[in-house]
């Protein structure tokens, strides 16, 4: 193994400056006979920006779900810091419904969100209609009781920060703007850990640069999967690689990760070649059927079985 990589089998040294917020211990998960994660040990620390790398189907999205609790392991333990909040950027775009951007984002908060959206809708078209006035007073009381005004302020602040028009209808928006709404729906939850799975989908170059800025300025811990190498190089402070069930952490930028990973793979290929050569020689020897020193030969047969 390359010494420049921090492998998950090596215990991480903790210090007072950066304590973990999530710890995986001997974590394993299989789907049938497919071992997706094999005995993973991993620490995630507050404020890190970590990109997850691996072939399609390697288990990147699955590992993210294990980290935040949306999936459960077969073996091992997951520890999360108390009161830790996660938000995941959905891959699917919001539907083009005849609702406003404000309403689409407020729906994240379920009942309180619906009350906020209704209050916003009635107050924006308020007349002297007694029924509307009575409903507005009822909603105001409900929001007072549920601390809904702080959520309302958070929605307003998020839309303003992301440059979204709260009154725009979703039916009028392009895929790129719908993606921005999905981003707002995740960020408005004020998460400690923001998880993004292929976040550049549906975004043009300007949208990707906009997203990159939001990722760089996010104050919490950022975990993301992307095939955009420029984004990974610009944003990630560490890389977590999943390869044939093995989870490896590399504390470097993406460019250095590629160099060090390729060096490690070249070493692995050389070791495999030497192993194959030895195996071939042993199998040739077995086929020759040498009878001398029978006891030693039986031991060599057992050794060959172990190699296989």
C-alpha atoms as a PDB file:
ATOM      1  CA  UNK A   1       0.000   0.000   0.000  1.00  0.00           C
ATOM      2  CA  UNK A   2       1.159   3.517  -0.740  1.00  0.00           C
ATOM      3  CA  UNK A   3       2.201   5.266   2.443  1.00  0.00           C
ATOM      4  CA  UNK A   4       0.700   8.533   1.231  1.00  0.00           C
ATOM      5  CA  UNK A   5      -2.816   7.101   1.447  1.00  0.00           C
ATOM      6  CA  UNK A   6      -4.646   6.857   4.748  1.00  0.00           C
ATOM      7  CA  UNK A   7      -6.231   3.420   4.619  1.00  0.00           C
ATOM      8  CA  UNK A   8      -9.330   2.658   6.627  1.00  0.00           C
ATOM      9  CA  UNK A   9      -7.653  -0.312   8.322  1.00  0.00           C
ATOM     10  CA  UNK A  10      -5.342   2.164  10.088  1.00  0.00           C
ATOM     11  CA  UNK A  11      -6.822   3.771  13.235  1.00  0.00           C
ATOM     12  CA  UNK A  12      -7.203   7.527  12.821  1.00  0.00           C
ATOM     13  CA  UNK A  13      -5.449   9.732  15.363  1.00  0.00           C
ATOM     14  CA  UNK A  14      -7.883  12.200  16.876  1.00  0.00           C
ATOM     15  CA  UNK A  15      -6.947  15.634  18.130  1.00  0.00           C
ATOM     16  CA  UNK A  16      -8.679  18.426  19.964  1.00  0.00           C
ATOM     17  CA  UNK A  17      -8.938  20.614  16.868  1.00  0.00           C
ATOM     18  CA  UNK A  18     -11.039  18.227  14.770  1.00  0.00           C
ATOM     19  CA  UNK A  19     -13.195  15.654  16.478  1.00  0.00           C
ATOM     20  CA  UNK A  20     -15.290  13.217  14.449  1.00  0.00           C
ATOM     21  CA  UNK A  21     -18.994  13.752  13.917  1.00  0.00           C
ATOM     22  CA  UNK A  22     -19.544  10.315  12.309  1.00  0.00           C
ATOM     23  CA  UNK A  23     -17.568   7.120  12.939  1.00  0.00           C
ATOM     24  CA  UNK A  24     -17.955   3.811  11.090  1.00  0.00           C
ATOM     25  CA  UNK A  25     -16.508   0.743  12.799  1.00  0.00           C
ATOM     26  CA  UNK A  26     -16.063  -2.595  10.965  1.00  0.00           C
ATOM     27  CA  UNK A  27     -19.022  -1.732   8.772  1.00  0.00           C
ATOM     28  CA  UNK A  28     -20.175  -4.301   6.200  1.00  0.00           C
ATOM     29  CA  UNK A  29     -23.124  -4.505   3.849  1.00  0.00           C
ATOM     30  CA  UNK A  30     -23.975  -7.024   1.147  1.00  0.00           C
ATOM     31  CA  UNK A  31     -26.787  -7.312  -1.378  1.00  0.00           C
ATOM     32  CA  UNK A  32     -27.081 -11.054  -1.805  1.00  0.00           C
ATOM     33  CA  UNK A  33     -23.615 -12.297  -2.726  1.00  0.00           C
ATOM     34  CA  UNK A  34     -22.454  -8.808  -3.742  1.00  0.00           C
ATOM     35  CA  UNK A  35     -20.286  -7.437  -0.904  1.00  0.00           C
ATOM     36  CA  UNK A  36     -20.789  -3.686  -1.343  1.00  0.00           C
ATOM     37  CA  UNK A  37     -18.931  -2.524   1.796  1.00  0.00           C
ATOM     38  CA  UNK A  38     -16.370  -4.724   3.522  1.00  0.00           C
ATOM     39  CA  UNK A  39     -15.244  -4.024   7.135  1.00  0.00           C
ATOM     40  CA  UNK A  40     -15.013  -0.248   6.689  1.00  0.00           C
ATOM     41  CA  UNK A  41     -13.539   1.934   9.438  1.00  0.00           C
ATOM     42  CA  UNK A  42     -13.904   5.646   8.854  1.00  0.00           C
ATOM     43  CA  UNK A  43     -14.051   8.986  10.689  1.00  0.00           C
ATOM     44  CA  UNK A  44     -15.737  12.097   9.288  1.00  0.00           C
ATOM     45  CA  UNK A  45     -14.902  15.419  10.916  1.00  0.00           C
ATOM     46  CA  UNK A  46     -16.765  18.705  11.145  1.00  0.00           C
ATOM     47  CA  UNK A  47     -16.100  21.141   8.307  1.00  0.00           C
ATOM     48  CA  UNK A  48     -14.600  18.625   5.885  1.00  0.00           C
ATOM     49  CA  UNK A  49     -15.500  18.615   2.184  1.00  0.00           C
ATOM     50  CA  UNK A  50     -15.230  15.013   1.034  1.00  0.00           C
ATOM     51  CA  UNK A  51     -15.730  13.624  -2.467  1.00  0.00           C
ATOM     52  CA  UNK A  52     -16.646   9.955  -2.884  1.00  0.00           C
ATOM     53  CA  UNK A  53     -14.977   8.168  -5.788  1.00  0.00           C
ATOM     54  CA  UNK A  54     -15.445   4.764  -7.387  1.00  0.00           C
ATOM     55  CA  UNK A  55     -16.754   2.981 -10.434  1.00  0.00           C
ATOM     56  CA  UNK A  56     -20.472   3.078 -11.237  1.00  0.00           C
ATOM     57  CA  UNK A  57     -22.197   0.624  -8.923  1.00  0.00           C
ATOM     58  CA  UNK A  58     -19.252   0.518  -6.504  1.00  0.00           C
ATOM     59  CA  UNK A  59     -21.453   1.604  -3.592  1.00  0.00           C
ATOM     60  CA  UNK A  60     -20.867   5.359  -3.262  1.00  0.00           C
ATOM     61  CA  UNK A  61     -24.537   6.255  -2.825  1.00  0.00           C
ATOM     62  CA  UNK A  62     -25.012   3.289  -0.506  1.00  0.00           C
ATOM     63  CA  UNK A  63     -22.162   4.439   1.736  1.00  0.00           C
ATOM     64  CA  UNK A  64     -23.678   7.924   1.923  1.00  0.00           C
ATOM     65  CA  UNK A  65     -26.998   6.386   2.988  1.00  0.00           C
ATOM     66  CA  UNK A  66     -25.235   4.337   5.664  1.00  0.00           C
ATOM     67  CA  UNK A  67     -23.544   7.469   6.985  1.00  0.00           C
ATOM     68  CA  UNK A  68     -26.765   9.457   7.360  1.00  0.00           C
ATOM     69  CA  UNK A  69     -28.968   6.551   8.482  1.00  0.00           C
ATOM     70  CA  UNK A  70     -31.058   6.057   5.338  1.00  0.00           C
ATOM     71  CA  UNK A  71     -29.660   2.507   5.021  1.00  0.00           C
ATOM     72  CA  UNK A  72     -28.603  -0.065   7.592  1.00  0.00           C
ATOM     73  CA  UNK A  73     -25.504  -2.198   7.762  1.00  0.00           C
ATOM     74  CA  UNK A  74     -25.307  -5.991   8.077  1.00  0.00           C
ATOM     75  CA  UNK A  75     -22.412  -5.806  10.511  1.00  0.00           C
ATOM     76  CA  UNK A  76     -20.505  -3.132  12.416  1.00  0.00           C
ATOM     77  CA  UNK A  77     -21.458   0.121  14.099  1.00  0.00           C
ATOM     78  CA  UNK A  78     -22.286   3.669  13.051  1.00  0.00           C
ATOM     79  CA  UNK A  79     -21.854   6.451  15.607  1.00  0.00           C
ATOM     80  CA  UNK A  80     -23.202   9.936  14.930  1.00  0.00           C
ATOM     81  CA  UNK A  81     -22.735  13.036  17.061  1.00  0.00           C
ATOM     82  CA  UNK A  82     -25.752  14.001  19.131  1.00  0.00           C
ATOM     83  CA  UNK A  83     -28.354  16.196  17.370  1.00  0.00           C
ATOM     84  CA  UNK A  84     -26.488  15.928  14.072  1.00  0.00           C
ATOM     85  CA  UNK A  85     -28.716  16.926  11.138  1.00  0.00           C
ATOM     86  CA  UNK A  86     -28.358  15.721   7.538  1.00  0.00           C
ATOM     87  CA  UNK A  87     -29.885  17.028   4.330  1.00  0.00           C
ATOM     88  CA  UNK A  88     -29.577  15.294   0.972  1.00  0.00           C
ATOM     89  CA  UNK A  89     -29.890  17.056  -2.369  1.00  0.00           C
ATOM     90  CA  UNK A  90     -32.395  14.989  -4.314  1.00  0.00           C
ATOM     91  CA  UNK A  91     -31.261  13.748  -7.726  1.00  0.00           C
ATOM     92  CA  UNK A  92     -34.793  14.074  -9.121  1.00  0.00           C
ATOM     93  CA  UNK A  93     -35.956  17.559 -10.057  1.00  0.00           C
ATOM     94  CA  UNK A  94     -39.067  19.059  -8.455  1.00  0.00           C
ATOM     95  CA  UNK A  95     -42.139  18.527 -10.594  1.00  0.00           C
ATOM     96  CA  UNK A  96     -43.325  21.424 -12.739  1.00  0.00           C
ATOM     97  CA  UNK A  97     -46.451  22.104 -10.684  1.00  0.00           C
ATOM     98  CA  UNK A  98     -48.499  25.286 -10.745  1.00  0.00           C
ATOM     99  CA  UNK A  99     -47.055  26.412  -7.421  1.00  0.00           C
ATOM    100  CA  UNK A 100     -44.613  29.165  -6.499  1.00  0.00           C
ATOM    101  CA  UNK A 101     -40.961  28.702  -5.629  1.00  0.00           C
ATOM    102  CA  UNK A 102     -41.769  29.821  -2.064  1.00  0.00           C
ATOM    103  CA  UNK A 103     -44.403  27.106  -1.696  1.00  0.00           C
ATOM    104  CA  UNK A 104     -42.139  24.423  -3.201  1.00  0.00           C
ATOM    105  CA  UNK A 105     -39.377  25.184  -0.686  1.00  0.00           C
ATOM    106  CA  UNK A 106     -41.717  25.593   2.291  1.00  0.00           C
ATOM    107  CA  UNK A 107     -43.131  22.088   1.701  1.00  0.00           C
ATOM    108  CA  UNK A 108     -39.915  20.681   3.169  1.00  0.00           C
ATOM    109  CA  UNK A 109     -41.318  21.575   6.593  1.00  0.00           C
ATOM    110  CA  UNK A 110     -44.537  19.600   6.071  1.00  0.00           C
ATOM    111  CA  UNK A 111     -47.441  20.921   8.226  1.00  0.00           C
ATOM    112  CA  UNK A 112     -45.703  24.111   9.354  1.00  0.00           C
ATOM    113  CA  UNK A 113     -44.477  24.659   5.818  1.00  0.00           C
ATOM    114  CA  UNK A 114     -47.964  24.365   4.395  1.00  0.00           C
ATOM    115  CA  UNK A 115     -49.211  26.884   6.955  1.00  0.00           C
ATOM    116  CA  UNK A 116     -46.404  29.287   6.064  1.00  0.00           C
ATOM    117  CA  UNK A 117     -47.127  28.923   2.339  1.00  0.00           C
ATOM    118  CA  UNK A 118     -50.856  29.527   2.880  1.00  0.00           C
ATOM    119  CA  UNK A 119     -50.177  32.578   5.052  1.00  0.00           C
ATOM    120  CA  UNK A 120     -47.814  33.905   2.399  1.00  0.00           C
ATOM    121  CA  UNK A 121     -50.396  33.320  -0.348  1.00  0.00           C
ATOM    122  CA  UNK A 122     -53.315  34.953   1.493  1.00  0.00           C
ATOM    123  CA  UNK A 123     -51.325  37.943   2.724  1.00  0.00           C
ATOM    124  CA  UNK A 124     -49.953  38.662  -0.775  1.00  0.00           C
ATOM    125  CA  UNK A 125     -53.507  39.011  -2.187  1.00  0.00           C
ATOM    126  CA  UNK A 126     -55.257  40.248   0.958  1.00  0.00           C
ATOM    127  CA  UNK A 127     -58.639  41.991   0.633  1.00  0.00           C
ATOM    128  CA  UNK A 128     -61.350  42.904   3.127  1.00  0.00           C
ATOM    129  CA  UNK A 129     -62.863  39.443   2.798  1.00  0.00           C
ATOM    130  CA  UNK A 130     -63.792  38.410   6.351  1.00  0.00           C
ATOM    131  CA  UNK A 131     -63.166  34.741   5.673  1.00  0.00           C
ATOM    132  CA  UNK A 132     -59.628  35.465   4.490  1.00  0.00           C
ATOM    133  CA  UNK A 133     -58.974  37.716   7.471  1.00  0.00           C
ATOM    134  CA  UNK A 134     -60.209  35.054   9.880  1.00  0.00           C
ATOM    135  CA  UNK A 135     -58.062  32.395   8.206  1.00  0.00           C
ATOM    136  CA  UNK A 136     -55.032  34.691   8.318  1.00  0.00           C
ATOM    137  CA  UNK A 137     -55.531  35.258  12.057  1.00  0.00           C
ATOM    138  CA  UNK A 138     -55.844  31.512  12.628  1.00  0.00           C
ATOM    139  CA  UNK A 139     -52.636  30.826  10.677  1.00  0.00           C
ATOM    140  CA  UNK A 140     -50.820  33.570  12.571  1.00  0.00           C
ATOM    141  CA  UNK A 141     -51.755  31.954  15.899  1.00  0.00           C
ATOM    142  CA  UNK A 142     -50.624  28.537  14.624  1.00  0.00           C
ATOM    143  CA  UNK A 143     -47.282  29.913  13.451  1.00  0.00           C
ATOM    144  CA  UNK A 144     -46.777  31.735  16.751  1.00  0.00           C
ATOM    145  CA  UNK A 145     -47.263  28.449  18.602  1.00  0.00           C
ATOM    146  CA  UNK A 146     -44.963  26.411  16.368  1.00  0.00           C
ATOM    147  CA  UNK A 147     -42.101  28.900  15.978  1.00  0.00           C
ATOM    148  CA  UNK A 148     -43.099  29.070  12.331  1.00  0.00           C
ATOM    149  CA  UNK A 149     -41.827  32.621  11.899  1.00  0.00           C
ATOM    150  CA  UNK A 150     -38.204  31.556  12.311  1.00  0.00           C
ATOM    151  CA  UNK A 151     -38.765  28.948   9.582  1.00  0.00           C
ATOM    152  CA  UNK A 152     -40.425  31.607   7.426  1.00  0.00           C
ATOM    153  CA  UNK A 153     -37.371  33.821   7.874  1.00  0.00           C
ATOM    154  CA  UNK A 154     -35.091  30.896   6.969  1.00  0.00           C
ATOM    155  CA  UNK A 155     -37.026  30.287   3.743  1.00  0.00           C
ATOM    156  CA  UNK A 156     -36.855  33.970   2.783  1.00  0.00           C
ATOM    157  CA  UNK A 157     -33.123  34.121   3.556  1.00  0.00           C
ATOM    158  CA  UNK A 158     -32.359  30.954   1.587  1.00  0.00           C
ATOM    159  CA  UNK A 159     -34.276  32.075  -1.508  1.00  0.00           C
ATOM    160  CA  UNK A 160     -32.583  35.465  -1.368  1.00  0.00           C
ATOM    161  CA  UNK A 161     -29.125  33.899  -0.954  1.00  0.00           C
ATOM    162  CA  UNK A 162     -29.687  31.569  -3.907  1.00  0.00           C
ATOM    163  CA  UNK A 163     -31.166  34.278  -6.117  1.00  0.00           C
ATOM    164  CA  UNK A 164     -34.569  32.600  -6.473  1.00  0.00           C
ATOM    165  CA  UNK A 165     -37.777  34.533  -7.157  1.00  0.00           C
ATOM    166  CA  UNK A 166     -40.268  33.354  -4.496  1.00  0.00           C
ATOM    167  CA  UNK A 167     -43.277  34.198  -6.713  1.00  0.00           C
ATOM    168  CA  UNK A 168     -42.083  32.378  -9.859  1.00  0.00           C
ATOM    169  CA  UNK A 169     -44.182  29.398 -10.877  1.00  0.00           C
ATOM    170  CA  UNK A 170     -42.432  26.055 -11.282  1.00  0.00           C
ATOM    171  CA  UNK A 171     -44.255  25.509 -14.569  1.00  0.00           C
ATOM    172  CA  UNK A 172     -42.239  28.366 -16.092  1.00  0.00           C
ATOM    173  CA  UNK A 173     -38.769  27.252 -14.980  1.00  0.00           C
ATOM    174  CA  UNK A 174     -36.013  25.402 -16.842  1.00  0.00           C
ATOM    175  CA  UNK A 175     -34.304  22.266 -15.546  1.00  0.00           C
ATOM    176  CA  UNK A 176     -31.389  24.324 -14.263  1.00  0.00           C
ATOM    177  CA  UNK A 177     -33.636  26.561 -12.162  1.00  0.00           C
ATOM    178  CA  UNK A 178     -35.577  23.553 -10.878  1.00  0.00           C
ATOM    179  CA  UNK A 179     -32.207  22.144  -9.771  1.00  0.00           C
ATOM    180  CA  UNK A 180     -31.592  25.354  -7.837  1.00  0.00           C
ATOM    181  CA  UNK A 181     -34.945  24.904  -6.125  1.00  0.00           C
ATOM    182  CA  UNK A 182     -33.913  21.375  -5.113  1.00  0.00           C
ATOM    183  CA  UNK A 183     -30.717  22.869  -3.688  1.00  0.00           C
ATOM    184  CA  UNK A 184     -32.789  25.415  -1.758  1.00  0.00           C
ATOM    185  CA  UNK A 185     -35.004  22.612  -0.406  1.00  0.00           C
ATOM    186  CA  UNK A 186     -31.952  20.895   1.063  1.00  0.00           C
ATOM    187  CA  UNK A 187     -30.123  23.997   2.344  1.00  0.00           C
ATOM    188  CA  UNK A 188     -33.206  25.539   3.980  1.00  0.00           C
ATOM    189  CA  UNK A 189     -33.100  22.672   6.486  1.00  0.00           C
ATOM    190  CA  UNK A 190     -29.889  24.225   7.873  1.00  0.00           C
ATOM    191  CA  UNK A 191     -28.039  20.878   7.980  1.00  0.00           C
ATOM    192  CA  UNK A 192     -24.796  20.078   9.772  1.00  0.00           C
ATOM    193  CA  UNK A 193     -23.982  17.638   6.954  1.00  0.00           C
ATOM    194  CA  UNK A 194     -24.968  18.389   3.353  1.00  0.00           C
ATOM    195  CA  UNK A 195     -25.018  15.350   1.040  1.00  0.00           C
ATOM    196  CA  UNK A 196     -25.012  15.806  -2.742  1.00  0.00           C
ATOM    197  CA  UNK A 197     -25.239  12.907  -5.200  1.00  0.00           C
ATOM    198  CA  UNK A 198     -24.306  13.982  -8.752  1.00  0.00           C
ATOM    199  CA  UNK A 199     -25.279  17.610  -8.028  1.00  0.00           C
ATOM    200  CA  UNK A 200     -24.220  18.997 -11.433  1.00  0.00           C
ATOM    201  CA  UNK A 201     -26.910  17.066 -13.328  1.00  0.00           C
ATOM    202  CA  UNK A 202     -29.243  19.482 -15.210  1.00  0.00           C
ATOM    203  CA  UNK A 203     -26.876  22.426 -14.677  1.00  0.00           C
ATOM    204  CA  UNK A 204     -25.097  24.353 -17.415  1.00  0.00           C
ATOM    205  CA  UNK A 205     -21.582  25.757 -16.972  1.00  0.00           C
ATOM    206  CA  UNK A 206     -22.846  28.905 -15.252  1.00  0.00           C
ATOM    207  CA  UNK A 207     -25.016  26.792 -12.947  1.00  0.00           C
ATOM    208  CA  UNK A 208     -22.088  24.519 -12.081  1.00  0.00           C
ATOM    209  CA  UNK A 209     -19.921  27.522 -11.195  1.00  0.00           C
ATOM    210  CA  UNK A 210     -22.782  28.861  -9.053  1.00  0.00           C
ATOM    211  CA  UNK A 211     -23.108  25.496  -7.286  1.00  0.00           C
ATOM    212  CA  UNK A 212     -19.348  25.299  -6.736  1.00  0.00           C
ATOM    213  CA  UNK A 213     -19.482  28.629  -4.905  1.00  0.00           C
ATOM    214  CA  UNK A 214     -22.348  27.409  -2.676  1.00  0.00           C
ATOM    215  CA  UNK A 215     -20.432  24.229  -1.860  1.00  0.00           C
ATOM    216  CA  UNK A 216     -17.246  26.126  -1.005  1.00  0.00           C
ATOM    217  CA  UNK A 217     -19.090  28.527   1.295  1.00  0.00           C
ATOM    218  CA  UNK A 218     -21.228  25.906   3.047  1.00  0.00           C
ATOM    219  CA  UNK A 219     -20.292  26.174   6.750  1.00  0.00           C
ATOM    220  CA  UNK A 220     -20.869  22.531   7.712  1.00  0.00           C
ATOM    221  CA  UNK A 221     -19.574  19.166   6.503  1.00  0.00           C
ATOM    222  CA  UNK A 222     -19.964  18.436   2.795  1.00  0.00           C
ATOM    223  CA  UNK A 223     -20.165  14.917   1.333  1.00  0.00           C
ATOM    224  CA  UNK A 224     -20.633  14.568  -2.408  1.00  0.00           C
ATOM    225  CA  UNK A 225     -20.500  12.201  -5.369  1.00  0.00           C
ATOM    226  CA  UNK A 226     -19.665  13.659  -8.765  1.00  0.00           C
ATOM    227  CA  UNK A 227     -18.123  12.745 -12.117  1.00  0.00           C
ATOM    228  CA  UNK A 228     -17.116  16.382 -12.596  1.00  0.00           C
ATOM    229  CA  UNK A 229     -13.361  16.272 -11.996  1.00  0.00           C
ATOM    230  CA  UNK A 230     -13.013  20.054 -11.989  1.00  0.00           C
ATOM    231  CA  UNK A 231     -15.639  20.334  -9.253  1.00  0.00           C
ATOM    232  CA  UNK A 232     -13.922  17.619  -7.216  1.00  0.00           C
ATOM    233  CA  UNK A 233     -10.546  19.339  -7.570  1.00  0.00           C
ATOM    234  CA  UNK A 234     -11.966  22.734  -6.607  1.00  0.00           C
ATOM    235  CA  UNK A 235     -14.094  21.643  -3.658  1.00  0.00           C
ATOM    236  CA  UNK A 236     -12.831  18.415  -2.047  1.00  0.00           C
ATOM    237  CA  UNK A 237     -10.357  18.512   0.841  1.00  0.00           C
ATOM    238  CA  UNK A 238     -10.267  14.679   1.017  1.00  0.00           C
ATOM    239  CA  UNK A 239     -11.325  11.745  -1.157  1.00  0.00           C
ATOM    240  CA  UNK A 240     -13.003   8.532  -0.041  1.00  0.00           C
ATOM    241  CA  UNK A 241     -12.647   5.731  -2.583  1.00  0.00           C
ATOM    242  CA  UNK A 242     -14.759   2.589  -2.777  1.00  0.00           C
ATOM    243  CA  UNK A 243     -13.139  -0.227  -4.753  1.00  0.00           C
ATOM    244  CA  UNK A 244     -14.380  -3.841  -4.662  1.00  0.00           C
ATOM    245  CA  UNK A 245     -15.954  -3.295  -1.254  1.00  0.00           C
ATOM    246  CA  UNK A 246     -12.871  -1.679   0.274  1.00  0.00           C
ATOM    247  CA  UNK A 247     -13.179   1.862   1.611  1.00  0.00           C
ATOM    248  CA  UNK A 248     -10.019   3.981   1.498  1.00  0.00           C
ATOM    249  CA  UNK A 249      -9.568   7.555   2.631  1.00  0.00           C
ATOM    250  CA  UNK A 250      -7.054   9.826   0.883  1.00  0.00           C
ATOM    251  CA  UNK A 251      -6.269  13.122   2.627  1.00  0.00           C
ATOM    252  CA  UNK A 252      -5.317  15.149  -0.439  1.00  0.00           C
ATOM    253  CA  UNK A 253      -6.919  16.972  -3.337  1.00  0.00           C
ATOM    254  CA  UNK A 254      -8.376  15.128  -6.317  1.00  0.00           C
ATOM    255  CA  UNK A 255      -5.325  15.506  -8.586  1.00  0.00           C
ATOM    256  CA  UNK A 256      -2.981  13.978  -6.019  1.00  0.00           C
ATOM    257  CA  UNK A 257      -5.547  11.285  -5.251  1.00  0.00           C
ATOM    258  CA  UNK A 258      -5.466  10.141  -8.894  1.00  0.00           C
ATOM    259  CA  UNK A 259      -1.655  10.037  -8.910  1.00  0.00           C
ATOM    260  CA  UNK A 260      -1.391   8.128  -5.644  1.00  0.00           C
ATOM    261  CA  UNK A 261      -4.265   5.788  -6.481  1.00  0.00           C
ATOM    262  CA  UNK A 262      -2.693   4.881  -9.817  1.00  0.00           C
ATOM    263  CA  UNK A 263       0.647   4.215  -8.119  1.00  0.00           C
ATOM    264  CA  UNK A 264      -1.088   1.918  -5.652  1.00  0.00           C
ATOM    265  CA  UNK A 265      -2.941   0.101  -8.438  1.00  0.00           C
ATOM    266  CA  UNK A 266       0.304  -0.387 -10.379  1.00  0.00           C
ATOM    267  CA  UNK A 267       1.879  -1.941  -7.279  1.00  0.00           C
ATOM    268  CA  UNK A 268      -1.153  -4.166  -6.817  1.00  0.00           C
ATOM    269  CA  UNK A 269      -0.991  -5.314 -10.451  1.00  0.00           C
ATOM    270  CA  UNK A 270       2.702  -6.182 -10.039  1.00  0.00           C
ATOM    271  CA  UNK A 271       1.961  -8.190  -6.882  1.00  0.00           C
ATOM    272  CA  UNK A 272      -0.880  -9.977  -8.665  1.00  0.00           C
ATOM    273  CA  UNK A 273       1.390 -10.822 -11.601  1.00  0.00           C
ATOM    274  CA  UNK A 274       4.019 -12.306  -9.275  1.00  0.00           C
ATOM    275  CA  UNK A 275       1.315 -14.288  -7.519  1.00  0.00           C
ATOM    276  CA  UNK A 276      -0.071 -15.600 -10.804  1.00  0.00           C
ATOM    277  CA  UNK A 277       3.429 -16.625 -11.914  1.00  0.00           C
ATOM    278  CA  UNK A 278       3.971 -18.539  -8.686  1.00  0.00           C
ATOM    279  CA  UNK A 279       0.570 -20.199  -8.972  1.00  0.00           C
ATOM    280  CA  UNK A 280       1.274 -21.258 -12.547  1.00  0.00           C
ATOM    281  CA  UNK A 281       4.624 -22.787 -11.538  1.00  0.00           C
ATOM    282  CA  UNK A 282       3.000 -24.739  -8.706  1.00  0.00           C
ATOM    283  CA  UNK A 283       0.287 -26.057 -10.997  1.00  0.00           C
ATOM    284  CA  UNK A 284       2.895 -27.154 -13.576  1.00  0.00           C
ATOM    285  CA  UNK A 285       4.731 -28.982 -10.813  1.00  0.00           C
ATOM    286  CA  UNK A 286       1.521 -30.737  -9.693  1.00  0.00           C
ATOM    287  CA  UNK A 287       0.761 -31.914 -13.223  1.00  0.00           C
ATOM    288  CA  UNK A 288       4.229 -33.474 -13.493  1.00  0.00           C
ATOM    289  CA  UNK A 289       3.223 -35.939 -10.766  1.00  0.00           C
ATOM    290  CA  UNK A 290       6.586 -36.070  -8.961  1.00  0.00           C
ATOM    291  CA  UNK A 291       6.618 -39.046  -6.554  1.00  0.00           C
ATOM    292  CA  UNK A 292       9.851 -38.442  -4.668  1.00  0.00           C
ATOM    293  CA  UNK A 293       9.712 -37.163  -1.086  1.00  0.00           C
ATOM    294  CA  UNK A 294       6.021 -37.853  -0.854  1.00  0.00           C
ATOM    295  CA  UNK A 295       5.503 -36.160   2.525  1.00  0.00           C
ATOM    296  CA  UNK A 296       6.977 -32.873   1.354  1.00  0.00           C
ATOM    297  CA  UNK A 297       4.966 -33.066  -1.846  1.00  0.00           C
ATOM    298  CA  UNK A 298       1.702 -33.473   0.070  1.00  0.00           C
ATOM    299  CA  UNK A 299       2.533 -30.291   1.950  1.00  0.00           C
ATOM    300  CA  UNK A 300       3.169 -28.555  -1.360  1.00  0.00           C
ATOM    301  CA  UNK A 301      -0.240 -29.720  -2.625  1.00  0.00           C
ATOM    302  CA  UNK A 302      -1.881 -28.204   0.434  1.00  0.00           C
ATOM    303  CA  UNK A 303       0.046 -24.976  -0.163  1.00  0.00           C
ATOM    304  CA  UNK A 304      -1.248 -24.907  -3.746  1.00  0.00           C
ATOM    305  CA  UNK A 305      -4.823 -25.324  -2.513  1.00  0.00           C
ATOM    306  CA  UNK A 306      -4.287 -22.360  -0.159  1.00  0.00           C
ATOM    307  CA  UNK A 307      -2.946 -20.272  -3.061  1.00  0.00           C
ATOM    308  CA  UNK A 308      -5.962 -21.105  -5.163  1.00  0.00           C
END
